[in-house]
Amino acid sequence: MAVTAKWRQHIEAWQRSGLSQGDYCMQQQINVRTFTARLSDYRKLPAAEPAALIPVQIEPPATAAIVFNHVQGHRLDLPISVSASWVAELLRCLA
């Protein structure tokens, strides 16, 4: 007989409980012979494949930046946190 989801839940709950089969069955009002038969069927099932880990590459978040592009191809990237007065002074010096 196939092991239904209900019996899987009972078997896994029994395994976690630490109780004997008899005590678990008495507590759950389950016939011990039926439980033993379903447990036997459960143990005959093929083992589940272990979960595989998939490599993940995490890219750093794109940071906001102030970008200056010069007509001759030069580029200046500044963090968004740079002060406006510093940028103004830089532009005065480059002018």
C-alpha atoms as a PDB file:
ATOM      1  CA  MET A   1       0.000   0.000   0.000  1.00  0.00           C
ATOM      2  CA  ALA A   2       1.228   3.509  -0.803  1.00  0.00           C
ATOM      3  CA  VAL A   3       2.336   5.716   2.038  1.00  0.00           C
ATOM      4  CA  THR A   4      -0.075   8.638   2.053  1.00  0.00           C
ATOM      5  CA  ALA A   5       0.767  12.130   3.240  1.00  0.00           C
ATOM      6  CA  LYS A   6      -1.185  11.403   6.435  1.00  0.00           C
ATOM      7  CA  TRP A   7       1.013   8.386   7.229  1.00  0.00           C
ATOM      8  CA  ARG A   8       4.204  10.270   6.342  1.00  0.00           C
ATOM      9  CA  GLN A   9       3.182  12.949   8.827  1.00  0.00           C
ATOM     10  CA  HIS A  10       2.491  10.336  11.517  1.00  0.00           C
ATOM     11  CA  ILE A  11       5.783   8.528  10.897  1.00  0.00           C
ATOM     12  CA  GLU A  12       7.815  11.738  10.932  1.00  0.00           C
ATOM     13  CA  ALA A  13       5.976  12.969  14.049  1.00  0.00           C
ATOM     14  CA  TRP A  14       6.670   9.630  15.762  1.00  0.00           C
ATOM     15  CA  GLN A  15      10.383   9.883  14.842  1.00  0.00           C
ATOM     16  CA  ARG A  16      10.575  13.370  16.355  1.00  0.00           C
ATOM     17  CA  SER A  17       8.554  12.420  19.434  1.00  0.00           C
ATOM     18  CA  GLY A  18      11.068  10.072  21.045  1.00  0.00           C
ATOM     19  CA  LEU A  19       8.175   7.765  22.004  1.00  0.00           C
ATOM     20  CA  SER A  20       8.015   4.050  21.339  1.00  0.00           C
ATOM     21  CA  GLN A  21       5.754   3.006  18.463  1.00  0.00           C
ATOM     22  CA  GLY A  22       3.248   1.610  20.933  1.00  0.00           C
ATOM     23  CA  ASP A  23       3.144   4.776  23.045  1.00  0.00           C
ATOM     24  CA  TYR A  24       2.837   7.013  19.986  1.00  0.00           C
ATOM     25  CA  CYS A  25       0.032   4.888  18.544  1.00  0.00           C
ATOM     26  CA  MET A  26      -1.815   4.865  21.868  1.00  0.00           C
ATOM     27  CA  GLN A  27      -1.469   8.637  22.164  1.00  0.00           C
ATOM     28  CA  GLN A  28      -2.697   9.174  18.590  1.00  0.00           C
ATOM     29  CA  GLN A  29      -5.329   6.405  18.769  1.00  0.00           C
ATOM     30  CA  ILE A  30      -3.768   4.545  15.836  1.00  0.00           C
ATOM     31  CA  ASN A  31      -3.747   0.766  15.393  1.00  0.00           C
ATOM     32  CA  VAL A  32      -0.172  -0.388  16.116  1.00  0.00           C
ATOM     33  CA  ARG A  33      -0.208  -3.082  13.415  1.00  0.00           C
ATOM     34  CA  THR A  34      -1.401  -0.597  10.796  1.00  0.00           C
ATOM     35  CA  PHE A  35       1.278   1.875  11.888  1.00  0.00           C
ATOM     36  CA  THR A  36       3.962  -0.829  11.690  1.00  0.00           C
ATOM     37  CA  ALA A  37       2.788  -1.835   8.197  1.00  0.00           C
ATOM     38  CA  ARG A  38       2.873   1.786   6.964  1.00  0.00           C
ATOM     39  CA  LEU A  39       6.293   2.259   8.582  1.00  0.00           C
ATOM     40  CA  SER A  40       7.554  -0.791   6.698  1.00  0.00           C
ATOM     41  CA  ASP A  41       6.210   0.667   3.430  1.00  0.00           C
ATOM     42  CA  TYR A  42       7.777   4.031   4.281  1.00  0.00           C
ATOM     43  CA  ARG A  43      11.187   2.456   4.854  1.00  0.00           C
ATOM     44  CA  LYS A  44      11.032   0.783   1.435  1.00  0.00           C
ATOM     45  CA  LEU A  45      10.616   4.119  -0.329  1.00  0.00           C
ATOM     46  CA  PRO A  46      13.696   5.373  -2.179  1.00  0.00           C
ATOM     47  CA  ALA A  47      15.668   7.932  -0.232  1.00  0.00           C
ATOM     48  CA  ALA A  48      15.097  11.493  -1.329  1.00  0.00           C
ATOM     49  CA  GLU A  49      17.920  13.117  -3.240  1.00  0.00           C
ATOM     50  CA  PRO A  50      19.847  15.484  -0.996  1.00  0.00           C
ATOM     51  CA  ALA A  51      19.310  19.131  -1.810  1.00  0.00           C
ATOM     52  CA  ALA A  52      21.979  20.475  -4.108  1.00  0.00           C
ATOM     53  CA  LEU A  53      23.644  23.790  -3.495  1.00  0.00           C
ATOM     54  CA  ILE A  54      23.718  26.123  -6.431  1.00  0.00           C
ATOM     55  CA  PRO A  55      26.582  28.611  -6.620  1.00  0.00           C
ATOM     56  CA  VAL A  56      25.382  32.179  -6.493  1.00  0.00           C
ATOM     57  CA  GLN A  57      27.344  35.274  -7.383  1.00  0.00           C
ATOM     58  CA  ILE A  58      26.219  38.380  -5.599  1.00  0.00           C
ATOM     59  CA  GLU A  59      27.011  41.605  -7.347  1.00  0.00           C
ATOM     60  CA  PRO A  60      27.599  44.648  -5.193  1.00  0.00           C
ATOM     61  CA  PRO A  61      24.779  47.150  -5.403  1.00  0.00           C
ATOM     62  CA  ALA A  62      25.234  49.919  -7.893  1.00  0.00           C
ATOM     63  CA  THR A  63      26.235  53.025  -6.012  1.00  0.00           C
ATOM     64  CA  ALA A  64      24.884  56.390  -6.948  1.00  0.00           C
ATOM     65  CA  ALA A  65      27.564  58.621  -8.376  1.00  0.00           C
ATOM     66  CA  ILE A  66      28.108  61.984  -9.956  1.00  0.00           C
ATOM     67  CA  VAL A  67      29.707  61.381 -13.341  1.00  0.00           C
ATOM     68  CA  PHE A  68      31.536  64.012 -15.371  1.00  0.00           C
ATOM     69  CA  ASN A  69      32.318  63.139 -19.002  1.00  0.00           C
ATOM     70  CA  HIS A  70      34.776  65.367 -20.855  1.00  0.00           C
ATOM     71  CA  VAL A  71      34.540  65.864 -24.616  1.00  0.00           C
ATOM     72  CA  GLN A  72      38.033  64.369 -24.997  1.00  0.00           C
ATOM     73  CA  GLY A  73      36.867  61.116 -23.384  1.00  0.00           C
ATOM     74  CA  HIS A  74      38.004  61.683 -19.795  1.00  0.00           C
ATOM     75  CA  ARG A  75      35.585  60.552 -17.138  1.00  0.00           C
ATOM     76  CA  LEU A  76      35.378  61.434 -13.455  1.00  0.00           C
ATOM     77  CA  ASP A  77      33.118  59.435 -11.110  1.00  0.00           C
ATOM     78  CA  LEU A  78      32.506  60.910  -7.674  1.00  0.00           C
ATOM     79  CA  PRO A  79      30.488  59.384  -4.851  1.00  0.00           C
ATOM     80  CA  ILE A  80      27.111  60.975  -4.285  1.00  0.00           C
ATOM     81  CA  SER A  81      28.256  61.860  -0.768  1.00  0.00           C
ATOM     82  CA  VAL A  82      30.870  64.364  -2.001  1.00  0.00           C
ATOM     83  CA  SER A  83      30.064  67.897  -0.898  1.00  0.00           C
ATOM     84  CA  ALA A  84      28.708  70.355  -3.440  1.00  0.00           C
ATOM     85  CA  SER A  85      31.265  72.960  -2.374  1.00  0.00           C
ATOM     86  CA  TRP A  86      34.118  70.535  -3.104  1.00  0.00           C
ATOM     87  CA  VAL A  87      32.710  69.816  -6.587  1.00  0.00           C
ATOM     88  CA  ALA A  88      32.351  73.565  -7.209  1.00  0.00           C
ATOM     89  CA  GLU A  89      35.974  74.138  -6.146  1.00  0.00           C
ATOM     90  CA  LEU A  90      37.122  71.284  -8.410  1.00  0.00           C
ATOM     91  CA  LEU A  91      35.288  72.765 -11.389  1.00  0.00           C
ATOM     92  CA  ARG A  92      36.791  76.220 -10.705  1.00  0.00           C
ATOM     93  CA  CYS A  93      40.273  74.672 -10.635  1.00  0.00           C
ATOM     94  CA  LEU A  94      39.724  72.762 -13.867  1.00  0.00           C
ATOM     95  CA  ALA A  95      38.282  75.754 -15.718  1.00  0.00           C
END
